[in-house]
Amino acid sequence: MLTADNRNLEFQLAHLGVVLLFLSDGTTTRMEAKSDATSTLTLTLYNFNNSIGAGTTSPIEIGTFNGRKLLLAFMVYALSEESSKTVHYTFMLGDHV
């Protein structure tokens, strides 16, 4: 998937919303997670501006879906801070909780 004008990506999986929020602060590549009362998980991705890619090294658990663990793996590619980003992502279902 390509972002438009370096904008965020938003996914809706039944009751769960997932937002990938891209920010740059000139430091290291890192991720922060925050959820709110409306079942939306926001993953703030700082400094994901690398042309060779930055992302998860293994799937991360982000919630539950139909009684099973919901996992996400992704890789983000960008030519610069301001450029659109190419995001490869996979949502997976894990074991029952």
PDB file of N, CA and C in Angstrom:
ATOM      1  N   MET A   1       0.840  -1.157   0.000  1.00  0.00           N
ATOM      2  CA  MET A   1       0.000   0.000   0.000  1.00  0.00           C
ATOM      3  C   MET A   1       0.894   1.231   0.000  1.00  0.00           C
ATOM      4  N   LEU A   2       0.475   2.268  -0.702  1.00  0.00           N
ATOM      5  CA  LEU A   2       1.199   3.535  -0.724  1.00  0.00           C
ATOM      6  C   LEU A   2       0.439   4.585   0.059  1.00  0.00           C
ATOM      7  N   THR A   3       1.150   5.351   0.869  1.00  0.00           N
ATOM      8  CA  THR A   3       0.506   6.471   1.537  1.00  0.00           C
ATOM      9  C   THR A   3       0.414   7.628   0.550  1.00  0.00           C
ATOM     10  N   ALA A   4      -0.548   8.481   0.743  1.00  0.00           N
ATOM     11  CA  ALA A   4      -0.694   9.659  -0.111  1.00  0.00           C
ATOM     12  C   ALA A   4      -0.122  10.856   0.630  1.00  0.00           C
ATOM     13  N   ASP A   5       0.850  11.499   0.049  1.00  0.00           N
ATOM     14  CA  ASP A   5       1.438  12.706   0.645  1.00  0.00           C
ATOM     15  C   ASP A   5       1.894  12.492   2.081  1.00  0.00           C
ATOM     16  N   ASN A   6       2.487  11.330   2.361  1.00  0.00           N
ATOM     17  CA  ASN A   6       3.040  11.046   3.682  1.00  0.00           C
ATOM     18  C   ASN A   6       1.967  11.037   4.775  1.00  0.00           C
ATOM     19  N   ARG A   7       0.750  10.666   4.429  1.00  0.00           N
ATOM     20  CA  ARG A   7      -0.344  10.619   5.408  1.00  0.00           C
ATOM     21  C   ARG A   7      -0.364   9.305   6.149  1.00  0.00           C
ATOM     22  N   ASN A   8      -1.161   9.264   7.198  1.00  0.00           N
ATOM     23  CA  ASN A   8      -1.302   8.067   8.012  1.00  0.00           C
ATOM     24  C   ASN A   8      -2.107   7.011   7.276  1.00  0.00           C
ATOM     25  N   LEU A   9      -1.979   5.772   7.738  1.00  0.00           N
ATOM     26  CA  LEU A   9      -2.802   4.680   7.220  1.00  0.00           C
ATOM     27  C   LEU A   9      -3.785   4.273   8.299  1.00  0.00           C
ATOM     28  N   GLU A  10      -5.024   4.005   7.904  1.00  0.00           N
ATOM     29  CA  GLU A  10      -6.041   3.573   8.849  1.00  0.00           C
ATOM     30  C   GLU A  10      -6.689   2.300   8.333  1.00  0.00           C
ATOM     31  N   PHE A  11      -6.844   1.319   9.229  1.00  0.00           N
ATOM     32  CA  PHE A  11      -7.474   0.043   8.911  1.00  0.00           C
ATOM     33  C   PHE A  11      -8.657  -0.154   9.856  1.00  0.00           C
ATOM     34  N   GLN A  12      -9.702  -0.789   9.373  1.00  0.00           N
ATOM     35  CA  GLN A  12     -10.827  -1.150  10.224  1.00  0.00           C
ATOM     36  C   GLN A  12     -11.052  -2.649  10.082  1.00  0.00           C
ATOM     37  N   LEU A  13     -10.869  -3.384  11.178  1.00  0.00           N
ATOM     38  CA  LEU A  13     -11.063  -4.828  11.205  1.00  0.00           C
ATOM     39  C   LEU A  13     -12.217  -5.121  12.150  1.00  0.00           C
ATOM     40  N   ALA A  14     -13.433  -5.190  11.616  1.00  0.00           N
ATOM     41  CA  ALA A  14     -14.647  -5.369  12.417  1.00  0.00           C
ATOM     42  C   ALA A  14     -14.680  -4.288  13.500  1.00  0.00           C
ATOM     43  N   HIS A  15     -14.562  -4.658  14.759  1.00  0.00           N
ATOM     44  CA  HIS A  15     -14.669  -3.716  15.870  1.00  0.00           C
ATOM     45  C   HIS A  15     -13.369  -2.975  16.183  1.00  0.00           C
ATOM     46  N   LEU A  16     -12.267  -3.351  15.571  1.00  0.00           N
ATOM     47  CA  LEU A  16     -10.958  -2.800  15.921  1.00  0.00           C
ATOM     48  C   LEU A  16     -10.419  -1.900  14.809  1.00  0.00           C
ATOM     49  N   GLY A  17     -10.062  -0.675  15.178  1.00  0.00           N
ATOM     50  CA  GLY A  17      -9.401   0.237  14.251  1.00  0.00           C
ATOM     51  C   GLY A  17      -7.907   0.246  14.535  1.00  0.00           C
ATOM     52  N   VAL A  18      -7.108   0.310  13.486  1.00  0.00           N
ATOM     53  CA  VAL A  18      -5.649   0.386  13.624  1.00  0.00           C
ATOM     54  C   VAL A  18      -5.169   1.561  12.780  1.00  0.00           C
ATOM     55  N   VAL A  19      -4.413   2.462  13.411  1.00  0.00           N
ATOM     56  CA  VAL A  19      -3.877   3.632  12.718  1.00  0.00           C
ATOM     57  C   VAL A  19      -2.358   3.563  12.773  1.00  0.00           C
ATOM     58  N   LEU A  20      -1.718   3.700  11.620  1.00  0.00           N
ATOM     59  CA  LEU A  20      -0.265   3.854  11.552  1.00  0.00           C
ATOM     60  C   LEU A  20      -0.001   5.342  11.345  1.00  0.00           C
ATOM     61  N   LEU A  21       0.542   5.977  12.373  1.00  0.00           N
ATOM     62  CA  LEU A  21       0.796   7.411  12.388  1.00  0.00           C
ATOM     63  C   LEU A  21       2.297   7.627  12.185  1.00  0.00           C
ATOM     64  N   PHE A  22       2.672   8.337  11.136  1.00  0.00           N
ATOM     65  CA  PHE A  22       4.077   8.555  10.808  1.00  0.00           C
ATOM     66  C   PHE A  22       4.537   9.925  11.294  1.00  0.00           C
ATOM     67  N   LEU A  23       5.574   9.943  12.139  1.00  0.00           N
ATOM     68  CA  LEU A  23       6.161  11.188  12.634  1.00  0.00           C
ATOM     69  C   LEU A  23       7.678  11.112  12.527  1.00  0.00           C
ATOM     70  N   SER A  24       8.297  12.274  12.403  1.00  0.00           N
ATOM     71  CA  SER A  24       9.756  12.350  12.388  1.00  0.00           C
ATOM     72  C   SER A  24      10.208  13.333  13.446  1.00  0.00           C
ATOM     73  N   ASP A  25      11.216  12.920  14.224  1.00  0.00           N
ATOM     74  CA  ASP A  25      11.774  13.825  15.225  1.00  0.00           C
ATOM     75  C   ASP A  25      13.302  13.834  15.194  1.00  0.00           C
ATOM     76  N   GLY A  26      13.887  13.241  14.144  1.00  0.00           N
ATOM     77  CA  GLY A  26      15.330  13.301  13.972  1.00  0.00           C
ATOM     78  C   GLY A  26      16.133  12.383  14.867  1.00  0.00           C
ATOM     79  N   THR A  27      15.476  11.481  15.599  1.00  0.00           N
ATOM     80  CA  THR A  27      16.219  10.566  16.470  1.00  0.00           C
ATOM     81  C   THR A  27      16.144   9.156  15.880  1.00  0.00           C
ATOM     82  N   THR A  28      15.975   8.157  16.716  1.00  0.00           N
ATOM     83  CA  THR A  28      15.993   6.769  16.269  1.00  0.00           C
ATOM     84  C   THR A  28      14.643   6.318  15.733  1.00  0.00           C
ATOM     85  N   THR A  29      14.671   5.226  14.989  1.00  0.00           N
ATOM     86  CA  THR A  29      13.449   4.576  14.522  1.00  0.00           C
ATOM     87  C   THR A  29      12.855   3.829  15.704  1.00  0.00           C
ATOM     88  N   ARG A  30      11.592   4.134  16.011  1.00  0.00           N
ATOM     89  CA  ARG A  30      10.936   3.487  17.139  1.00  0.00           C
ATOM     90  C   ARG A  30       9.424   3.521  16.952  1.00  0.00           C
ATOM     91  N   MET A  31       8.735   2.741  17.783  1.00  0.00           N
ATOM     92  CA  MET A  31       7.289   2.652  17.698  1.00  0.00           C
ATOM     93  C   MET A  31       6.694   2.802  19.088  1.00  0.00           C
ATOM     94  N   GLU A  32       5.586   3.538  19.191  1.00  0.00           N
ATOM     95  CA  GLU A  32       4.837   3.668  20.436  1.00  0.00           C
ATOM     96  C   GLU A  32       3.391   3.290  20.148  1.00  0.00           C
ATOM     97  N   ALA A  33       2.776   2.563  21.069  1.00  0.00           N
ATOM     98  CA  ALA A  33       1.389   2.120  20.902  1.00  0.00           C
ATOM     99  C   ALA A  33       0.505   2.791  21.936  1.00  0.00           C
ATOM    100  N   LYS A  34      -0.712   3.154  21.505  1.00  0.00           N
ATOM    101  CA  LYS A  34      -1.682   3.765  22.401  1.00  0.00           C
ATOM    102  C   LYS A  34      -3.073   3.383  21.919  1.00  0.00           C
ATOM    103  N   SER A  35      -3.934   2.975  22.845  1.00  0.00           N
ATOM    104  CA  SER A  35      -5.310   2.671  22.461  1.00  0.00           C
ATOM    105  C   SER A  35      -6.248   3.597  23.204  1.00  0.00           C
ATOM    106  N   ASP A  36      -7.438   3.759  22.653  1.00  0.00           N
ATOM    107  CA  ASP A  36      -8.414   4.628  23.297  1.00  0.00           C
ATOM    108  C   ASP A  36      -9.693   3.851  23.585  1.00  0.00           C
ATOM    109  N   ALA A  37     -10.666   4.529  24.105  1.00  0.00           N
ATOM    110  CA  ALA A  37     -11.916   3.890  24.522  1.00  0.00           C
ATOM    111  C   ALA A  37     -12.773   3.432  23.347  1.00  0.00           C
ATOM    112  N   THR A  38     -12.430   3.812  22.138  1.00  0.00           N
ATOM    113  CA  THR A  38     -13.250   3.454  20.977  1.00  0.00           C
ATOM    114  C   THR A  38     -12.701   2.248  20.222  1.00  0.00           C
ATOM    115  N   SER A  39     -11.861   1.449  20.849  1.00  0.00           N
ATOM    116  CA  SER A  39     -11.266   0.261  20.217  1.00  0.00           C
ATOM    117  C   SER A  39     -10.380   0.609  19.027  1.00  0.00           C
ATOM    118  N   THR A  40      -9.683   1.725  19.129  1.00  0.00           N
ATOM    119  CA  THR A  40      -8.723   2.105  18.102  1.00  0.00           C
ATOM    120  C   THR A  40      -7.322   2.050  18.683  1.00  0.00           C
ATOM    121  N   LEU A  41      -6.444   1.343  17.984  1.00  0.00           N
ATOM    122  CA  LEU A  41      -5.041   1.269  18.360  1.00  0.00           C
ATOM    123  C   LEU A  41      -4.258   2.174  17.424  1.00  0.00           C
ATOM    124  N   THR A  42      -3.502   3.112  18.008  1.00  0.00           N
ATOM    125  CA  THR A  42      -2.645   3.984  17.212  1.00  0.00           C
ATOM    126  C   THR A  42      -1.201   3.570  17.439  1.00  0.00           C
ATOM    127  N   LEU A  43      -0.542   3.203  16.353  1.00  0.00           N
ATOM    128  CA  LEU A  43       0.885   2.889  16.397  1.00  0.00           C
ATOM    129  C   LEU A  43       1.615   4.088  15.805  1.00  0.00           C
ATOM    130  N   THR A  44       2.316   4.824  16.657  1.00  0.00           N
ATOM    131  CA  THR A  44       3.086   5.974  16.195  1.00  0.00           C
ATOM    132  C   THR A  44       4.454   5.473  15.780  1.00  0.00           C
ATOM    133  N   LEU A  45       4.773   5.662  14.515  1.00  0.00           N
ATOM    134  CA  LEU A  45       6.030   5.183  13.942  1.00  0.00           C
ATOM    135  C   LEU A  45       6.933   6.386  13.708  1.00  0.00           C
ATOM    136  N   TYR A  46       7.964   6.498  14.514  1.00  0.00           N
ATOM    137  CA  TYR A  46       8.896   7.618  14.435  1.00  0.00           C
ATOM    138  C   TYR A  46      10.061   7.278  13.509  1.00  0.00           C
ATOM    139  N   ASN A  47      10.343   8.186  12.591  1.00  0.00           N
ATOM    140  CA  ASN A  47      11.544   8.129  11.745  1.00  0.00           C
ATOM    141  C   ASN A  47      11.586   6.886  10.860  1.00  0.00           C
ATOM    142  N   PHE A  48      10.457   6.452  10.356  1.00  0.00           N
ATOM    143  CA  PHE A  48      10.404   5.346   9.401  1.00  0.00           C
ATOM    144  C   PHE A  48      10.593   5.927   8.004  1.00  0.00           C
ATOM    145  N   ASN A  49      11.812   6.397   7.728  1.00  0.00           N
ATOM    146  CA  ASN A  49      12.138   7.119   6.493  1.00  0.00           C
ATOM    147  C   ASN A  49      13.295   6.473   5.740  1.00  0.00           C
ATOM    148  N   ASN A  50      13.398   5.167   5.813  1.00  0.00           N
ATOM    149  CA  ASN A  50      14.550   4.473   5.271  1.00  0.00           C
ATOM    150  C   ASN A  50      14.191   3.803   3.944  1.00  0.00           C
ATOM    151  N   SER A  51      15.009   4.002   2.926  1.00  0.00           N
ATOM    152  CA  SER A  51      14.725   3.408   1.620  1.00  0.00           C
ATOM    153  C   SER A  51      14.921   1.892   1.617  1.00  0.00           C
ATOM    154  N   ILE A  52      15.705   1.353   2.557  1.00  0.00           N
ATOM    155  CA  ILE A  52      15.869  -0.102   2.618  1.00  0.00           C
ATOM    156  C   ILE A  52      14.851  -0.753   3.564  1.00  0.00           C
ATOM    157  N   GLY A  53      14.054   0.078   4.221  1.00  0.00           N
ATOM    158  CA  GLY A  53      12.939  -0.426   5.007  1.00  0.00           C
ATOM    159  C   GLY A  53      13.188  -0.472   6.498  1.00  0.00           C
ATOM    160  N   ALA A  54      12.110  -0.279   7.239  1.00  0.00           N
ATOM    161  CA  ALA A  54      12.105  -0.405   8.693  1.00  0.00           C
ATOM    162  C   ALA A  54      10.752  -0.977   9.077  1.00  0.00           C
ATOM    163  N   GLY A  55      10.748  -1.867  10.064  1.00  0.00           N
ATOM    164  CA  GLY A  55       9.479  -2.454  10.478  1.00  0.00           C
ATOM    165  C   GLY A  55       9.673  -3.472  11.570  1.00  0.00           C
ATOM    166  N   THR A  56       8.710  -4.366  11.683  1.00  0.00           N
ATOM    167  CA  THR A  56       8.766  -5.387  12.714  1.00  0.00           C
ATOM    168  C   THR A  56       9.667  -6.535  12.262  1.00  0.00           C
ATOM    169  N   THR A  57      10.359  -7.133  13.216  1.00  0.00           N
ATOM    170  CA  THR A  57      11.189  -8.300  12.894  1.00  0.00           C
ATOM    171  C   THR A  57      10.418  -9.594  13.081  1.00  0.00           C
ATOM    172  N   SER A  58       9.305  -9.511  13.801  1.00  0.00           N
ATOM    173  CA  SER A  58       8.376 -10.632  13.953  1.00  0.00           C
ATOM    174  C   SER A  58       7.002 -10.029  14.227  1.00  0.00           C
ATOM    175  N   PRO A  59       5.945 -10.804  14.032  1.00  0.00           N
ATOM    176  CA  PRO A  59       4.596 -10.251  14.256  1.00  0.00           C
ATOM    177  C   PRO A  59       4.424  -9.781  15.701  1.00  0.00           C
ATOM    178  N   ILE A  60       3.705  -8.665  15.863  1.00  0.00           N
ATOM    179  CA  ILE A  60       3.419  -8.132  17.191  1.00  0.00           C
ATOM    180  C   ILE A  60       1.937  -8.330  17.492  1.00  0.00           C
ATOM    181  N   GLU A  61       1.628  -8.654  18.742  1.00  0.00           N
ATOM    182  CA  GLU A  61       0.244  -8.842  19.149  1.00  0.00           C
ATOM    183  C   GLU A  61      -0.391  -7.475  19.389  1.00  0.00           C
ATOM    184  N   ILE A  62      -1.527  -7.221  18.710  1.00  0.00           N
ATOM    185  CA  ILE A  62      -2.160  -5.903  18.829  1.00  0.00           C
ATOM    186  C   ILE A  62      -3.561  -5.959  19.421  1.00  0.00           C
ATOM    187  N   GLY A  63      -4.082  -7.143  19.670  1.00  0.00           N
ATOM    188  CA  GLY A  63      -5.418  -7.242  20.241  1.00  0.00           C
ATOM    189  C   GLY A  63      -5.974  -8.639  20.085  1.00  0.00           C
ATOM    190  N   THR A  64      -7.302  -8.732  20.185  1.00  0.00           N
ATOM    191  CA  THR A  64      -7.980 -10.008  19.958  1.00  0.00           C
ATOM    192  C   THR A  64      -9.048  -9.820  18.903  1.00  0.00           C
ATOM    193  N   PHE A  65      -9.336 -10.893  18.205  1.00  0.00           N
ATOM    194  CA  PHE A  65     -10.335 -10.883  17.137  1.00  0.00           C
ATOM    195  C   PHE A  65     -11.029 -12.233  17.151  1.00  0.00           C
ATOM    196  N   ASN A  66     -12.324 -12.232  17.428  1.00  0.00           N
ATOM    197  CA  ASN A  66     -13.102 -13.476  17.507  1.00  0.00           C
ATOM    198  C   ASN A  66     -12.468 -14.501  18.447  1.00  0.00           C
ATOM    199  N   GLY A  67     -11.975 -14.021  19.595  1.00  0.00           N
ATOM    200  CA  GLY A  67     -11.411 -14.915  20.605  1.00  0.00           C
ATOM    201  C   GLY A  67     -10.015 -15.426  20.311  1.00  0.00           C
ATOM    202  N   ARG A  68      -9.378 -14.860  19.287  1.00  0.00           N
ATOM    203  CA  ARG A  68      -8.008 -15.258  18.950  1.00  0.00           C
ATOM    204  C   ARG A  68      -7.097 -14.049  18.989  1.00  0.00           C
ATOM    205  N   LYS A  69      -5.811 -14.285  19.229  1.00  0.00           N
ATOM    206  CA  LYS A  69      -4.837 -13.198  19.208  1.00  0.00           C
ATOM    207  C   LYS A  69      -4.776 -12.608  17.798  1.00  0.00           C
ATOM    208  N   LEU A  70      -4.722 -11.274  17.719  1.00  0.00           N
ATOM    209  CA  LEU A  70      -4.560 -10.581  16.452  1.00  0.00           C
ATOM    210  C   LEU A  70      -3.142 -10.040  16.400  1.00  0.00           C
ATOM    211  N   LEU A  71      -2.434 -10.386  15.332  1.00  0.00           N
ATOM    212  CA  LEU A  71      -1.033  -9.989  15.191  1.00  0.00           C
ATOM    213  C   LEU A  71      -0.850  -9.160  13.922  1.00  0.00           C
ATOM    214  N   LEU A  72       0.180  -8.329  13.926  1.00  0.00           N
ATOM    215  CA  LEU A  72       0.501  -7.474  12.795  1.00  0.00           C
ATOM    216  C   LEU A  72       2.001  -7.514  12.535  1.00  0.00           C
ATOM    217  N   ALA A  73       2.360  -7.643  11.282  1.00  0.00           N
ATOM    218  CA  ALA A  73       3.755  -7.498  10.845  1.00  0.00           C
ATOM    219  C   ALA A  73       3.754  -6.471   9.706  1.00  0.00           C
ATOM    220  N   PHE A  74       4.772  -5.618   9.671  1.00  0.00           N
ATOM    221  CA  PHE A  74       4.819  -4.612   8.604  1.00  0.00           C
ATOM    222  C   PHE A  74       6.252  -4.184   8.323  1.00  0.00           C
ATOM    223  N   MET A  75       6.428  -3.614   7.133  1.00  0.00           N
ATOM    224  CA  MET A  75       7.697  -3.027   6.721  1.00  0.00           C
ATOM    225  C   MET A  75       7.358  -1.741   5.962  1.00  0.00           C
ATOM    226  N   VAL A  76       8.061  -0.650   6.295  1.00  0.00           N
ATOM    227  CA  VAL A  76       7.815   0.658   5.700  1.00  0.00           C
ATOM    228  C   VAL A  76       9.057   1.093   4.937  1.00  0.00           C
ATOM    229  N   TYR A  77       8.842   1.551   3.694  1.00  0.00           N
ATOM    230  CA  TYR A  77       9.926   2.049   2.843  1.00  0.00           C
ATOM    231  C   TYR A  77       9.617   3.494   2.451  1.00  0.00           C
ATOM    232  N   ALA A  78      10.625   4.373   2.518  1.00  0.00           N
ATOM    233  CA  ALA A  78      10.436   5.770   2.125  1.00  0.00           C
ATOM    234  C   ALA A  78      11.753   6.323   1.618  1.00  0.00           C
ATOM    235  N   LEU A  79      11.683   7.210   0.649  1.00  0.00           N
ATOM    236  CA  LEU A  79      12.894   7.828   0.115  1.00  0.00           C
ATOM    237  C   LEU A  79      13.363   8.995   0.970  1.00  0.00           C
ATOM    238  N   SER A  80      12.417   9.646   1.658  1.00  0.00           N
ATOM    239  CA  SER A  80      12.771  10.781   2.516  1.00  0.00           C
ATOM    240  C   SER A  80      11.669  10.972   3.548  1.00  0.00           C
ATOM    241  N   GLU A  81      11.888  11.912   4.456  1.00  0.00           N
ATOM    242  CA  GLU A  81      10.912  12.244   5.484  1.00  0.00           C
ATOM    243  C   GLU A  81       9.578  12.666   4.884  1.00  0.00           C
ATOM    244  N   GLU A  82       9.630  13.460   3.813  1.00  0.00           N
ATOM    245  CA  GLU A  82       8.430  14.041   3.216  1.00  0.00           C
ATOM    246  C   GLU A  82       7.771  13.158   2.162  1.00  0.00           C
ATOM    247  N   SER A  83       8.442  12.120   1.711  1.00  0.00           N
ATOM    248  CA  SER A  83       7.912  11.327   0.598  1.00  0.00           C
ATOM    249  C   SER A  83       6.790  10.399   1.040  1.00  0.00           C
ATOM    250  N   SER A  84       6.019   9.951   0.066  1.00  0.00           N
ATOM    251  CA  SER A  84       5.032   8.906   0.334  1.00  0.00           C
ATOM    252  C   SER A  84       5.769   7.662   0.794  1.00  0.00           C
ATOM    253  N   LYS A  85       5.066   6.804   1.493  1.00  0.00           N
ATOM    254  CA  LYS A  85       5.678   5.589   2.014  1.00  0.00           C
ATOM    255  C   LYS A  85       5.020   4.368   1.374  1.00  0.00           C
ATOM    256  N   THR A  86       5.808   3.353   1.142  1.00  0.00           N
ATOM    257  CA  THR A  86       5.293   2.060   0.723  1.00  0.00           C
ATOM    258  C   THR A  86       5.245   1.186   1.961  1.00  0.00           C
ATOM    259  N   VAL A  87       4.078   0.640   2.259  1.00  0.00           N
ATOM    260  CA  VAL A  87       3.905  -0.162   3.466  1.00  0.00           C
ATOM    261  C   VAL A  87       3.449  -1.558   3.074  1.00  0.00           C
ATOM    262  N   HIS A  88       4.232  -2.545   3.441  1.00  0.00           N
ATOM    263  CA  HIS A  88       3.852  -3.945   3.281  1.00  0.00           C
ATOM    264  C   HIS A  88       3.379  -4.414   4.648  1.00  0.00           C
ATOM    265  N   TYR A  89       2.183  -4.988   4.719  1.00  0.00           N
ATOM    266  CA  TYR A  89       1.640  -5.371   6.018  1.00  0.00           C
ATOM    267  C   TYR A  89       0.871  -6.690   5.914  1.00  0.00           C
ATOM    268  N   THR A  90       0.788  -7.376   7.044  1.00  0.00           N
ATOM    269  CA  THR A  90       0.022  -8.618   7.153  1.00  0.00           C
ATOM    270  C   THR A  90      -0.629  -8.652   8.529  1.00  0.00           C
ATOM    271  N   PHE A  91      -1.933  -8.853   8.553  1.00  0.00           N
ATOM    272  CA  PHE A  91      -2.643  -9.151   9.798  1.00  0.00           C
ATOM    273  C   PHE A  91      -2.787 -10.650   9.889  1.00  0.00           C
ATOM    274  N   MET A  92      -2.559 -11.215  11.081  1.00  0.00           N
ATOM    275  CA  MET A  92      -2.624 -12.671  11.279  1.00  0.00           C
ATOM    276  C   MET A  92      -3.432 -12.987  12.525  1.00  0.00           C
ATOM    277  N   LEU A  93      -4.075 -14.146  12.514  1.00  0.00           N
ATOM    278  CA  LEU A  93      -4.752 -14.654  13.712  1.00  0.00           C
ATOM    279  C   LEU A  93      -3.890 -15.712  14.348  1.00  0.00           C
ATOM    280  N   GLY A  94      -3.732 -15.602  15.663  1.00  0.00           N
ATOM    281  CA  GLY A  94      -2.921 -16.565  16.413  1.00  0.00           C
ATOM    282  C   GLY A  94      -3.800 -17.512  17.197  1.00  0.00           C
ATOM    283  N   ASP A  95      -3.252 -17.998  18.301  1.00  0.00           N
ATOM    284  CA  ASP A  95      -3.942 -18.938  19.157  1.00  0.00           C
ATOM    285  C   ASP A  95      -5.160 -18.322  19.819  1.00  0.00           C
ATOM    286  N   HIS A  96      -6.060 -19.177  20.290  1.00  0.00           N
ATOM    287  CA  HIS A  96      -7.209 -18.714  21.073  1.00  0.00           C
ATOM    288  C   HIS A  96      -6.724 -18.189  22.412  1.00  0.00           C
ATOM    289  N   VAL A  97      -7.383 -17.121  22.890  1.00  0.00           N
ATOM    290  CA  VAL A  97      -7.023 -16.558  24.192  1.00  0.00           C
ATOM    291  C   VAL A  97      -7.842 -17.190  25.293  1.00  0.00           C
TER     292      VAL A  97
END
